[in-house]
Amino acid sequence: NIPLAAGQFDRELYLIGIRRRITRELQKKRALKDQKGSTVC
């Protein structure tokens, strides 16, 4: 007898937040790769 929400949630917020998370993780990986690839003369 419970009126279910039919899986509703804030999809727009979800997409924005996950895009930011992916972008942040890619930036970290890129920074780490640049750090490993750099040499000091």
Full PDB file with SEQRES, HELIX, SHEET, SSBOND, CRYST1, ORIGX, SCALE, CONECT and MASTER records, all heavy atoms in Angstrom:
SEQRES   1 A   41  ASN ILE PRO LEU ALA ALA GLY GLN PHE ASP ARG GLU LEU          
SEQRES   2 A   41  TYR LEU ILE GLY ILE ARG ARG ARG ILE THR ARG GLU LEU          
SEQRES   3 A   41  GLN LYS LYS ARG ALA LEU LYS ASP GLN LYS GLY SER THR          
SEQRES   4 A   41  VAL CYS                                                      
HELIX    1 AA1 ARG A   11  GLY A   37  1                                  27    
CRYST1    1.000    1.000    1.000  90.00  90.00  90.00 P 1           1          
ORIGX1      1.000000  0.000000  0.000000        0.00000                         
ORIGX2      0.000000  1.000000  0.000000        0.00000                         
ORIGX3      0.000000  0.000000  1.000000        0.00000                         
SCALE1      1.000000  0.000000  0.000000        0.00000                         
SCALE2      0.000000  1.000000  0.000000        0.00000                         
SCALE3      0.000000  0.000000  1.000000        0.00000                         
ATOM      1  N   ASN A   1       0.811  -1.219   0.000  1.00  0.00           N  
ATOM      2  CA  ASN A   1       0.000   0.000   0.000  1.00  0.00           C  
ATOM      3  C   ASN A   1       0.842   1.266   0.000  1.00  0.00           C  
ATOM      4  O   ASN A   1       0.341   2.352   0.261  1.00  0.00           O  
ATOM      5  CB  ASN A   1      -0.927   0.007   1.224  1.00  0.00           C  
ATOM      6  CG  ASN A   1      -0.153   0.080   2.541  1.00  0.00           C  
ATOM      7  OD1 ASN A   1       1.009  -0.326   2.610  1.00  0.00           O  
ATOM      8  ND2 ASN A   1      -0.805   0.584   3.581  1.00  0.00           N  
ATOM      9  N   ILE A   2       2.122   1.146  -0.316  1.00  0.00           N  
ATOM     10  CA  ILE A   2       3.023   2.300  -0.323  1.00  0.00           C  
ATOM     11  C   ILE A   2       3.106   2.883  -1.732  1.00  0.00           C  
ATOM     12  O   ILE A   2       3.410   2.165  -2.694  1.00  0.00           O  
ATOM     13  CB  ILE A   2       4.440   1.895   0.161  1.00  0.00           C  
ATOM     14  CG1 ILE A   2       4.370   1.271   1.555  1.00  0.00           C  
ATOM     15  CG2 ILE A   2       5.369   3.098   0.144  1.00  0.00           C  
ATOM     16  CD1 ILE A   2       3.830   2.194   2.621  1.00  0.00           C  
ATOM     17  N   PRO A   3       2.846   4.189  -1.918  1.00  0.00           N  
ATOM     18  CA  PRO A   3       2.982   4.814  -3.246  1.00  0.00           C  
ATOM     19  C   PRO A   3       4.456   4.981  -3.616  1.00  0.00           C  
ATOM     20  O   PRO A   3       5.134   5.873  -3.124  1.00  0.00           O  
ATOM     21  CB  PRO A   3       2.297   6.178  -3.058  1.00  0.00           C  
ATOM     22  CG  PRO A   3       2.432   6.480  -1.594  1.00  0.00           C  
ATOM     23  CD  PRO A   3       2.389   5.154  -0.888  1.00  0.00           C  
ATOM     24  N   LEU A   4       4.950   4.114  -4.476  1.00  0.00           N  
ATOM     25  CA  LEU A   4       6.362   4.137  -4.842  1.00  0.00           C  
ATOM     26  C   LEU A   4       6.684   5.328  -5.737  1.00  0.00           C  
ATOM     27  O   LEU A   4       5.825   5.839  -6.468  1.00  0.00           O  
ATOM     28  CB  LEU A   4       6.748   2.836  -5.541  1.00  0.00           C  
ATOM     29  CG  LEU A   4       6.637   1.566  -4.694  1.00  0.00           C  
ATOM     30  CD1 LEU A   4       6.972   0.337  -5.524  1.00  0.00           C  
ATOM     31  CD2 LEU A   4       7.539   1.643  -3.470  1.00  0.00           C  
ATOM     32  N   ALA A   5       7.957   5.743  -5.697  1.00  0.00           N  
ATOM     33  CA  ALA A   5       8.390   6.922  -6.450  1.00  0.00           C  
ATOM     34  C   ALA A   5       8.778   6.598  -7.885  1.00  0.00           C  
ATOM     35  O   ALA A   5       9.200   7.484  -8.626  1.00  0.00           O  
ATOM     36  CB  ALA A   5       9.567   7.580  -5.742  1.00  0.00           C  
ATOM     37  N   ALA A   6       8.666   5.324  -8.268  1.00  0.00           N  
ATOM     38  CA  ALA A   6       8.947   4.891  -9.646  1.00  0.00           C  
ATOM     39  C   ALA A   6      10.363   5.240 -10.092  1.00  0.00           C  
ATOM     40  O   ALA A   6      10.605   5.599 -11.240  1.00  0.00           O  
ATOM     41  CB  ALA A   6       7.919   5.496 -10.607  1.00  0.00           C  
ATOM     42  N   GLY A   7      11.300   5.152  -9.170  1.00  0.00           N  
ATOM     43  CA  GLY A   7      12.705   5.371  -9.520  1.00  0.00           C  
ATOM     44  C   GLY A   7      13.070   6.810  -9.797  1.00  0.00           C  
ATOM     45  O   GLY A   7      14.087   7.084 -10.442  1.00  0.00           O  
ATOM     46  N   GLN A   8      12.285   7.757  -9.335  1.00  0.00           N  
ATOM     47  CA  GLN A   8      12.553   9.163  -9.619  1.00  0.00           C  
ATOM     48  C   GLN A   8      13.722   9.685  -8.774  1.00  0.00           C  
ATOM     49  O   GLN A   8      13.833   9.371  -7.596  1.00  0.00           O  
ATOM     50  CB  GLN A   8      11.311  10.006  -9.334  1.00  0.00           C  
ATOM     51  CG  GLN A   8      10.149   9.702 -10.256  1.00  0.00           C  
ATOM     52  CD  GLN A   8       8.940  10.571  -9.959  1.00  0.00           C  
ATOM     53  OE1 GLN A   8       9.025  11.530  -9.205  1.00  0.00           O  
ATOM     54  NE2 GLN A   8       7.801  10.232 -10.545  1.00  0.00           N  
ATOM     55  N   PHE A   9      14.578  10.472  -9.404  1.00  0.00           N  
ATOM     56  CA  PHE A   9      15.647  11.178  -8.710  1.00  0.00           C  
ATOM     57  C   PHE A   9      16.071  12.350  -9.595  1.00  0.00           C  
ATOM     58  O   PHE A   9      15.601  12.490 -10.727  1.00  0.00           O  
ATOM     59  CB  PHE A   9      16.831  10.255  -8.394  1.00  0.00           C  
ATOM     60  CG  PHE A   9      17.555   9.721  -9.605  1.00  0.00           C  
ATOM     61  CD1 PHE A   9      18.679  10.382 -10.103  1.00  0.00           C  
ATOM     62  CD2 PHE A   9      17.132   8.564 -10.242  1.00  0.00           C  
ATOM     63  CE1 PHE A   9      19.356   9.900 -11.214  1.00  0.00           C  
ATOM     64  CE2 PHE A   9      17.801   8.072 -11.357  1.00  0.00           C  
ATOM     65  CZ  PHE A   9      18.915   8.737 -11.837  1.00  0.00           C  
ATOM     66  N   ASP A  10      16.957  13.187  -9.099  1.00  0.00           N  
ATOM     67  CA  ASP A  10      17.379  14.374  -9.842  1.00  0.00           C  
ATOM     68  C   ASP A  10      18.437  13.974 -10.883  1.00  0.00           C  
ATOM     69  O   ASP A  10      19.634  13.959 -10.611  1.00  0.00           O  
ATOM     70  CB  ASP A  10      17.947  15.419  -8.874  1.00  0.00           C  
ATOM     71  CG  ASP A  10      18.078  16.788  -9.517  1.00  0.00           C  
ATOM     72  OD1 ASP A  10      18.382  16.842 -10.725  1.00  0.00           O  
ATOM     73  OD2 ASP A  10      17.891  17.795  -8.818  1.00  0.00           O  
ATOM     74  N   ARG A  11      17.965  13.668 -12.083  1.00  0.00           N  
ATOM     75  CA  ARG A  11      18.872  13.177 -13.132  1.00  0.00           C  
ATOM     76  C   ARG A  11      19.810  14.268 -13.649  1.00  0.00           C  
ATOM     77  O   ARG A  11      20.965  14.003 -13.986  1.00  0.00           O  
ATOM     78  CB  ARG A  11      18.050  12.590 -14.281  1.00  0.00           C  
ATOM     79  CG  ARG A  11      17.463  11.222 -13.944  1.00  0.00           C  
ATOM     80  CD  ARG A  11      16.471  10.740 -15.005  1.00  0.00           C  
ATOM     81  NE  ARG A  11      16.124   9.340 -14.772  1.00  0.00           N  
ATOM     82  CZ  ARG A  11      15.266   8.925 -13.840  1.00  0.00           C  
ATOM     83  NH1 ARG A  11      14.686   9.805 -13.053  1.00  0.00           N  
ATOM     84  NH2 ARG A  11      14.998   7.639 -13.686  1.00  0.00           N  
ATOM     85  N   GLU A  12      19.314  15.489 -13.749  1.00  0.00           N  
ATOM     86  CA  GLU A  12      20.163  16.593 -14.214  1.00  0.00           C  
ATOM     87  C   GLU A  12      21.337  16.798 -13.267  1.00  0.00           C  
ATOM     88  O   GLU A  12      22.487  16.939 -13.696  1.00  0.00           O  
ATOM     89  CB  GLU A  12      19.344  17.878 -14.317  1.00  0.00           C  
ATOM     90  CG  GLU A  12      20.159  19.068 -14.804  1.00  0.00           C  
ATOM     91  CD  GLU A  12      19.373  20.363 -14.782  1.00  0.00           C  
ATOM     92  OE1 GLU A  12      18.213  20.356 -14.319  1.00  0.00           O  
ATOM     93  OE2 GLU A  12      19.928  21.387 -15.215  1.00  0.00           O  
ATOM     94  N   LEU A  13      21.043  16.807 -11.976  1.00  0.00           N  
ATOM     95  CA  LEU A  13      22.103  16.946 -10.973  1.00  0.00           C  
ATOM     96  C   LEU A  13      23.097  15.800 -11.077  1.00  0.00           C  
ATOM     97  O   LEU A  13      24.316  16.003 -11.002  1.00  0.00           O  
ATOM     98  CB  LEU A  13      21.487  16.988  -9.578  1.00  0.00           C  
ATOM     99  CG  LEU A  13      22.484  16.993  -8.421  1.00  0.00           C  
ATOM    100  CD1 LEU A  13      23.121  18.364  -8.267  1.00  0.00           C  
ATOM    101  CD2 LEU A  13      21.818  16.574  -7.123  1.00  0.00           C  
ATOM    102  N   TYR A  14      22.573  14.589 -11.251  1.00  0.00           N  
ATOM    103  CA  TYR A  14      23.425  13.401 -11.350  1.00  0.00           C  
ATOM    104  C   TYR A  14      24.418  13.537 -12.498  1.00  0.00           C  
ATOM    105  O   TYR A  14      25.621  13.302 -12.322  1.00  0.00           O  
ATOM    106  CB  TYR A  14      22.544  12.164 -11.541  1.00  0.00           C  
ATOM    107  CG  TYR A  14      23.298  10.877 -11.667  1.00  0.00           C  
ATOM    108  CD1 TYR A  14      23.758  10.204 -10.546  1.00  0.00           C  
ATOM    109  CD2 TYR A  14      23.558  10.325 -12.914  1.00  0.00           C  
ATOM    110  CE1 TYR A  14      24.451   9.013 -10.661  1.00  0.00           C  
ATOM    111  CE2 TYR A  14      24.246   9.129 -13.048  1.00  0.00           C  
ATOM    112  CZ  TYR A  14      24.693   8.475 -11.912  1.00  0.00           C  
ATOM    113  OH  TYR A  14      25.393   7.289 -12.036  1.00  0.00           O  
ATOM    114  N   LEU A  15      23.931  13.941 -13.662  1.00  0.00           N  
ATOM    115  CA  LEU A  15      24.801  14.048 -14.833  1.00  0.00           C  
ATOM    116  C   LEU A  15      25.863  15.130 -14.646  1.00  0.00           C  
ATOM    117  O   LEU A  15      27.033  14.935 -14.990  1.00  0.00           O  
ATOM    118  CB  LEU A  15      23.950  14.336 -16.077  1.00  0.00           C  
ATOM    119  CG  LEU A  15      23.023  13.194 -16.522  1.00  0.00           C  
ATOM    120  CD1 LEU A  15      22.133  13.658 -17.669  1.00  0.00           C  
ATOM    121  CD2 LEU A  15      23.835  11.972 -16.925  1.00  0.00           C  
ATOM    122  N   ILE A  16      25.470  16.277 -14.089  1.00  0.00           N  
ATOM    123  CA  ILE A  16      26.439  17.360 -13.875  1.00  0.00           C  
ATOM    124  C   ILE A  16      27.520  16.918 -12.885  1.00  0.00           C  
ATOM    125  O   ILE A  16      28.712  17.127 -13.111  1.00  0.00           O  
ATOM    126  CB  ILE A  16      25.725  18.627 -13.358  1.00  0.00           C  
ATOM    127  CG1 ILE A  16      24.770  19.170 -14.407  1.00  0.00           C  
ATOM    128  CG2 ILE A  16      26.752  19.695 -12.986  1.00  0.00           C  
ATOM    129  CD1 ILE A  16      23.907  20.316 -13.904  1.00  0.00           C  
ATOM    130  N   GLY A  17      27.080  16.302 -11.790  1.00  0.00           N  
ATOM    131  CA  GLY A  17      28.036  15.876 -10.769  1.00  0.00           C  
ATOM    132  C   GLY A  17      29.008  14.817 -11.272  1.00  0.00           C  
ATOM    133  O   GLY A  17      30.208  14.872 -10.993  1.00  0.00           O  
ATOM    134  N   ILE A  18      28.489  13.843 -12.039  1.00  0.00           N  
ATOM    135  CA  ILE A  18      29.348  12.770 -12.543  1.00  0.00           C  
ATOM    136  C   ILE A  18      30.307  13.293 -13.607  1.00  0.00           C  
ATOM    137  O   ILE A  18      31.474  12.876 -13.676  1.00  0.00           O  
ATOM    138  CB  ILE A  18      28.487  11.610 -13.087  1.00  0.00           C  
ATOM    139  CG1 ILE A  18      27.620  11.037 -11.964  1.00  0.00           C  
ATOM    140  CG2 ILE A  18      29.386  10.518 -13.671  1.00  0.00           C  
ATOM    141  CD1 ILE A  18      28.371  10.717 -10.681  1.00  0.00           C  
ATOM    142  N   ARG A  19      29.841  14.226 -14.453  1.00  0.00           N  
ATOM    143  CA  ARG A  19      30.750  14.827 -15.445  1.00  0.00           C  
ATOM    144  C   ARG A  19      31.903  15.531 -14.730  1.00  0.00           C  
ATOM    145  O   ARG A  19      33.064  15.421 -15.148  1.00  0.00           O  
ATOM    146  CB  ARG A  19      29.978  15.819 -16.318  1.00  0.00           C  
ATOM    147  CG  ARG A  19      29.073  15.187 -17.354  1.00  0.00           C  
ATOM    148  CD  ARG A  19      28.661  16.203 -18.409  1.00  0.00           C  
ATOM    149  NE  ARG A  19      27.529  15.725 -19.189  1.00  0.00           N  
ATOM    150  CZ  ARG A  19      26.281  16.138 -19.038  1.00  0.00           C  
ATOM    151  NH1 ARG A  19      26.005  17.063 -18.133  1.00  0.00           N  
ATOM    152  NH2 ARG A  19      25.312  15.659 -19.796  1.00  0.00           N  
ATOM    153  N   ARG A  20      31.582  16.270 -13.692  1.00  0.00           N  
ATOM    154  CA  ARG A  20      32.639  16.951 -12.932  1.00  0.00           C  
ATOM    155  C   ARG A  20      33.611  15.958 -12.322  1.00  0.00           C  
ATOM    156  O   ARG A  20      34.820  16.168 -12.324  1.00  0.00           O  
ATOM    157  CB  ARG A  20      32.018  17.795 -11.817  1.00  0.00           C  
ATOM    158  CG  ARG A  20      31.501  19.140 -12.266  1.00  0.00           C  
ATOM    159  CD  ARG A  20      31.346  20.024 -11.060  1.00  0.00           C  
ATOM    160  NE  ARG A  20      30.650  21.249 -11.346  1.00  0.00           N  
ATOM    161  CZ  ARG A  20      30.404  22.182 -10.435  1.00  0.00           C  
ATOM    162  NH1 ARG A  20      30.796  21.979  -9.181  1.00  0.00           N  
ATOM    163  NH2 ARG A  20      29.774  23.282 -10.739  1.00  0.00           N  
ATOM    164  N   ARG A  21      33.065  14.867 -11.814  1.00  0.00           N  
ATOM    165  CA  ARG A  21      33.921  13.854 -11.183  1.00  0.00           C  
ATOM    166  C   ARG A  21      34.870  13.232 -12.203  1.00  0.00           C  
ATOM    167  O   ARG A  21      36.065  13.062 -11.931  1.00  0.00           O  
ATOM    168  CB  ARG A  21      33.041  12.774 -10.546  1.00  0.00           C  
ATOM    169  CG  ARG A  21      33.826  11.710  -9.752  1.00  0.00           C  
ATOM    170  CD  ARG A  21      32.874  10.655  -9.217  1.00  0.00           C  
ATOM    171  NE  ARG A  21      33.577   9.602  -8.535  1.00  0.00           N  
ATOM    172  CZ  ARG A  21      33.777   9.562  -7.219  1.00  0.00           C  
ATOM    173  NH1 ARG A  21      33.334  10.555  -6.461  1.00  0.00           N  
ATOM    174  NH2 ARG A  21      34.421   8.550  -6.669  1.00  0.00           N  
ATOM    175  N   ILE A  22      34.341  12.908 -13.385  1.00  0.00           N  
ATOM    176  CA  ILE A  22      35.170  12.318 -14.438  1.00  0.00           C  
ATOM    177  C   ILE A  22      36.236  13.310 -14.883  1.00  0.00           C  
ATOM    178  O   ILE A  22      37.413  12.942 -15.064  1.00  0.00           O  
ATOM    179  CB  ILE A  22      34.277  11.890 -15.625  1.00  0.00           C  
ATOM    180  CG1 ILE A  22      33.368  10.733 -15.219  1.00  0.00           C  
ATOM    181  CG2 ILE A  22      35.144  11.496 -16.819  1.00  0.00           C  
ATOM    182  CD1 ILE A  22      32.336  10.375 -16.262  1.00  0.00           C  
ATOM    183  N   THR A  23      35.840  14.578 -15.057  1.00  0.00           N  
ATOM    184  CA  THR A  23      36.794  15.606 -15.462  1.00  0.00           C  
ATOM    185  C   THR A  23      37.906  15.755 -14.436  1.00  0.00           C  
ATOM    186  O   THR A  23      39.102  15.851 -14.791  1.00  0.00           O  
ATOM    187  CB  THR A  23      36.076  16.956 -15.641  1.00  0.00           C  
ATOM    188  OG1 THR A  23      35.054  16.820 -16.636  1.00  0.00           O  
ATOM    189  CG2 THR A  23      37.062  18.032 -16.072  1.00  0.00           C  
ATOM    190  N   ARG A  24      37.542  15.751 -13.165  1.00  0.00           N  
ATOM    191  CA  ARG A  24      38.541  15.889 -12.094  1.00  0.00           C  
ATOM    192  C   ARG A  24      39.509  14.697 -12.084  1.00  0.00           C  
ATOM    193  O   ARG A  24      40.724  14.863 -11.934  1.00  0.00           O  
ATOM    194  CB  ARG A  24      37.834  16.014 -10.744  1.00  0.00           C  
ATOM    195  CG  ARG A  24      38.759  16.058  -9.550  1.00  0.00           C  
ATOM    196  CD  ARG A  24      38.022  16.554  -8.315  1.00  0.00           C  
ATOM    197  NE  ARG A  24      36.790  15.835  -8.089  1.00  0.00           N  
ATOM    198  CZ  ARG A  24      36.698  14.692  -7.402  1.00  0.00           C  
ATOM    199  NH1 ARG A  24      37.805  14.128  -6.927  1.00  0.00           N  
ATOM    200  NH2 ARG A  24      35.541  14.107  -7.196  1.00  0.00           N  
ATOM    201  N   GLU A  25      38.964  13.490 -12.282  1.00  0.00           N  
ATOM    202  CA  GLU A  25      39.820  12.301 -12.286  1.00  0.00           C  
ATOM    203  C   GLU A  25      40.763  12.304 -13.487  1.00  0.00           C  
ATOM    204  O   GLU A  25      41.930  11.902 -13.382  1.00  0.00           O  
ATOM    205  CB  GLU A  25      38.948  11.046 -12.272  1.00  0.00           C  
ATOM    206  CG  GLU A  25      38.224  10.828 -10.949  1.00  0.00           C  
ATOM    207  CD  GLU A  25      37.304   9.632 -10.975  1.00  0.00           C  
ATOM    208  OE1 GLU A  25      37.077   9.078 -12.089  1.00  0.00           O  
ATOM    209  OE2 GLU A  25      36.812   9.245  -9.906  1.00  0.00           O  
ATOM    210  N   LEU A  26      40.270  12.745 -14.648  1.00  0.00           N  
ATOM    211  CA  LEU A  26      41.126  12.821 -15.835  1.00  0.00           C  
ATOM    212  C   LEU A  26      42.239  13.850 -15.654  1.00  0.00           C  
ATOM    213  O   LEU A  26      43.387  13.621 -16.072  1.00  0.00           O  
ATOM    214  CB  LEU A  26      40.279  13.176 -17.070  1.00  0.00           C  
ATOM    215  CG  LEU A  26      39.339  12.083 -17.581  1.00  0.00           C  
ATOM    216  CD1 LEU A  26      38.475  12.616 -18.710  1.00  0.00           C  
ATOM    217  CD2 LEU A  26      40.131  10.863 -18.037  1.00  0.00           C  
ATOM    218  N   GLN A  27      41.905  14.965 -15.022  1.00  0.00           N  
ATOM    219  CA  GLN A  27      42.919  15.989 -14.751  1.00  0.00           C  
ATOM    220  C   GLN A  27      43.996  15.462 -13.810  1.00  0.00           C  
ATOM    221  O   GLN A  27      45.186  15.746 -13.989  1.00  0.00           O  
ATOM    222  CB  GLN A  27      42.251  17.232 -14.161  1.00  0.00           C  
ATOM    223  CG  GLN A  27      41.410  18.010 -15.156  1.00  0.00           C  
ATOM    224  CD  GLN A  27      40.635  19.139 -14.506  1.00  0.00           C  
ATOM    225  OE1 GLN A  27      40.492  19.205 -13.279  1.00  0.00           O  
ATOM    226  NE2 GLN A  27      40.117  20.047 -15.327  1.00  0.00           N  
ATOM    227  N   LYS A  28      43.586  14.684 -12.817  1.00  0.00           N  
ATOM    228  CA  LYS A  28      44.560  14.095 -11.890  1.00  0.00           C  
ATOM    229  C   LYS A  28      45.483  13.116 -12.616  1.00  0.00           C  
ATOM    230  O   LYS A  28      46.700  13.122 -12.413  1.00  0.00           O  
ATOM    231  CB  LYS A  28      43.831  13.374 -10.744  1.00  0.00           C  
ATOM    232  CG  LYS A  28      43.246  14.294  -9.692  1.00  0.00           C  
ATOM    233  CD  LYS A  28      42.632  13.472  -8.568  1.00  0.00           C  
ATOM    234  CE  LYS A  28      42.081  14.368  -7.470  1.00  0.00           C  
ATOM    235  NZ  LYS A  28      41.463  13.567  -6.370  1.00  0.00           N  
ATOM    236  N   LYS A  29      44.901  12.276 -13.467  1.00  0.00           N  
ATOM    237  CA  LYS A  29      45.705  11.312 -14.213  1.00  0.00           C  
ATOM    238  C   LYS A  29      46.675  12.012 -15.156  1.00  0.00           C  
ATOM    239  O   LYS A  29      47.832  11.604 -15.298  1.00  0.00           O  
ATOM    240  CB  LYS A  29      44.786  10.372 -15.004  1.00  0.00           C  
ATOM    241  CG  LYS A  29      44.009   9.387 -14.137  1.00  0.00           C  
ATOM    242  CD  LYS A  29      43.148   8.471 -14.999  1.00  0.00           C  
ATOM    243  CE  LYS A  29      42.380   7.480 -14.138  1.00  0.00           C  
ATOM    244  NZ  LYS A  29      41.513   6.587 -14.958  1.00  0.00           N  
ATOM    245  N   ARG A  30      46.183  13.095 -15.803  1.00  0.00           N  
ATOM    246  CA  ARG A  30      47.034  13.839 -16.729  1.00  0.00           C  
ATOM    247  C   ARG A  30      48.193  14.510 -15.978  1.00  0.00           C  
ATOM    248  O   ARG A  30      49.335  14.495 -16.442  1.00  0.00           O  
ATOM    249  CB  ARG A  30      46.198  14.883 -17.466  1.00  0.00           C  
ATOM    250  CG  ARG A  30      46.915  15.517 -18.655  1.00  0.00           C  
ATOM    251  CD  ARG A  30      46.012  16.482 -19.400  1.00  0.00           C  
ATOM    252  NE  ARG A  30      44.839  15.832 -19.938  1.00  0.00           N  
ATOM    253  CZ  ARG A  30      43.592  16.072 -19.546  1.00  0.00           C  
ATOM    254  NH1 ARG A  30      43.373  16.980 -18.596  1.00  0.00           N  
ATOM    255  NH2 ARG A  30      42.579  15.451 -20.091  1.00  0.00           N  
ATOM    256  N   ALA A  31      47.886  15.062 -14.815  1.00  0.00           N  
ATOM    257  CA  ALA A  31      48.923  15.712 -14.019  1.00  0.00           C  
ATOM    258  C   ALA A  31      49.951  14.697 -13.539  1.00  0.00           C  
ATOM    259  O   ALA A  31      51.159  14.972 -13.530  1.00  0.00           O  
ATOM    260  CB  ALA A  31      48.292  16.433 -12.831  1.00  0.00           C  
ATOM    261  N   LEU A  32      49.473  13.511 -13.156  1.00  0.00           N  
ATOM    262  CA  LEU A  32      50.386  12.468 -12.697  1.00  0.00           C  
ATOM    263  C   LEU A  32      51.264  11.973 -13.836  1.00  0.00           C  
ATOM    264  O   LEU A  32      52.469  11.727 -13.662  1.00  0.00           O  
ATOM    265  CB  LEU A  32      49.571  11.308 -12.112  1.00  0.00           C  
ATOM    266  CG  LEU A  32      50.361  10.165 -11.469  1.00  0.00           C  
ATOM    267  CD1 LEU A  32      51.166  10.679 -10.273  1.00  0.00           C  
ATOM    268  CD2 LEU A  32      49.421   9.041 -11.027  1.00  0.00           C  
ATOM    269  N   LYS A  33      50.666  11.838 -15.033  1.00  0.00           N  
ATOM    270  CA  LYS A  33      51.430  11.400 -16.205  1.00  0.00           C  
ATOM    271  C   LYS A  33      52.493  12.423 -16.574  1.00  0.00           C  
ATOM    272  O   LYS A  33      53.637  12.071 -16.889  1.00  0.00           O  
ATOM    273  CB  LYS A  33      50.474  11.184 -17.373  1.00  0.00           C  
ATOM    274  CG  LYS A  33      51.151  10.668 -18.636  1.00  0.00           C  
ATOM    275  CD  LYS A  33      50.132  10.453 -19.743  1.00  0.00           C  
ATOM    276  CE  LYS A  33      50.817   9.957 -21.010  1.00  0.00           C  
ATOM    277  NZ  LYS A  33      49.819   9.768 -22.115  1.00  0.00           N  
ATOM    278  N   ASP A  34      52.143  13.714 -16.526  1.00  0.00           N  
ATOM    279  CA  ASP A  34      53.097  14.772 -16.840  1.00  0.00           C  
ATOM    280  C   ASP A  34      54.235  14.799 -15.826  1.00  0.00           C  
ATOM    281  O   ASP A  34      55.394  15.060 -16.173  1.00  0.00           O  
ATOM    282  CB  ASP A  34      52.389  16.133 -16.855  1.00  0.00           C  
ATOM    283  CG  ASP A  34      51.408  16.245 -18.014  1.00  0.00           C  
ATOM    284  OD1 ASP A  34      51.515  15.439 -18.955  1.00  0.00           O  
ATOM    285  OD2 ASP A  34      50.531  17.116 -17.947  1.00  0.00           O  
ATOM    286  N   GLN A  35      53.886  14.508 -14.571  1.00  0.00           N  
ATOM    287  CA  GLN A  35      54.889  14.527 -13.523  1.00  0.00           C  
ATOM    288  C   GLN A  35      55.902  13.385 -13.719  1.00  0.00           C  
ATOM    289  O   GLN A  35      57.102  13.549 -13.545  1.00  0.00           O  
ATOM    290  CB  GLN A  35      54.230  14.389 -12.160  1.00  0.00           C  
ATOM    291  CG  GLN A  35      55.185  14.499 -10.978  1.00  0.00           C  
ATOM    292  CD  GLN A  35      54.465  14.369  -9.645  1.00  0.00           C  
ATOM    293  OE1 GLN A  35      53.288  14.050  -9.601  1.00  0.00           O  
ATOM    294  NE2 GLN A  35      55.170  14.621  -8.571  1.00  0.00           N  
ATOM    295  N   LYS A  36      55.366  12.203 -14.109  1.00  0.00           N  
ATOM    296  CA  LYS A  36      56.245  11.050 -14.333  1.00  0.00           C  
ATOM    297  C   LYS A  36      57.096  11.233 -15.588  1.00  0.00           C  
ATOM    298  O   LYS A  36      58.220  10.744 -15.674  1.00  0.00           O  
ATOM    299  CB  LYS A  36      55.415   9.778 -14.471  1.00  0.00           C  
ATOM    300  CG  LYS A  36      54.796   9.317 -13.153  1.00  0.00           C  
ATOM    301  CD  LYS A  36      54.013   8.007 -13.341  1.00  0.00           C  
ATOM    302  CE  LYS A  36      53.447   7.516 -12.033  1.00  0.00           C  
ATOM    303  NZ  LYS A  36      52.663   6.260 -12.192  1.00  0.00           N  
ATOM    304  N   GLY A  37      56.525  11.938 -16.588  1.00  0.00           N  
ATOM    305  CA  GLY A  37      57.243  12.090 -17.845  1.00  0.00           C  
ATOM    306  C   GLY A  37      58.274  13.218 -17.841  1.00  0.00           C  
ATOM    307  O   GLY A  37      59.094  13.302 -18.757  1.00  0.00           O  
ATOM    308  N   SER A  38      58.224  14.058 -16.835  1.00  0.00           N  
ATOM    309  CA  SER A  38      59.168  15.173 -16.810  1.00  0.00           C  
ATOM    310  C   SER A  38      60.521  14.728 -16.283  1.00  0.00           C  
ATOM    311  O   SER A  38      60.636  13.814 -15.484  1.00  0.00           O  
ATOM    312  CB  SER A  38      58.615  16.306 -15.910  1.00  0.00           C  
ATOM    313  OG  SER A  38      58.492  15.865 -14.571  1.00  0.00           O  
ATOM    314  N   THR A  39      61.577  15.368 -16.770  1.00  0.00           N  
ATOM    315  CA  THR A  39      62.939  15.066 -16.305  1.00  0.00           C  
ATOM    316  C   THR A  39      63.607  16.358 -15.871  1.00  0.00           C  
ATOM    317  O   THR A  39      63.283  17.443 -16.367  1.00  0.00           O  
ATOM    318  CB  THR A  39      63.776  14.414 -17.415  1.00  0.00           C  
ATOM    319  OG1 THR A  39      63.794  15.288 -18.541  1.00  0.00           O  
ATOM    320  CG2 THR A  39      63.211  13.061 -17.804  1.00  0.00           C  
ATOM    321  N   VAL A  40      64.543  16.227 -14.950  1.00  0.00           N  
ATOM    322  CA  VAL A  40      65.277  17.379 -14.460  1.00  0.00           C  
ATOM    323  C   VAL A  40      66.706  17.310 -14.970  1.00  0.00           C  
ATOM    324  O   VAL A  40      67.395  16.305 -14.765  1.00  0.00           O  
ATOM    325  CB  VAL A  40      65.273  17.424 -12.907  1.00  0.00           C  
ATOM    326  CG1 VAL A  40      66.089  18.596 -12.408  1.00  0.00           C  
ATOM    327  CG2 VAL A  40      63.834  17.475 -12.403  1.00  0.00           C  
ATOM    328  N   CYS A  41      67.157  18.332 -15.667  1.00  0.00           N  
ATOM    329  CA  CYS A  41      68.508  18.383 -16.200  1.00  0.00           C  
ATOM    330  C   CYS A  41      69.346  19.332 -15.344  1.00  0.00           C  
ATOM    331  O   CYS A  41      68.884  20.418 -14.975  1.00  0.00           O  
ATOM    332  CB  CYS A  41      68.518  18.863 -17.647  1.00  0.00           C  
ATOM    333  SG  CYS A  41      67.607  17.771 -18.774  1.00  0.00           S  
TER     334      CYS A  41                                                      
MASTER        0    0    0    1    0    0    0    6  333    1    0    4          
END                                                                             
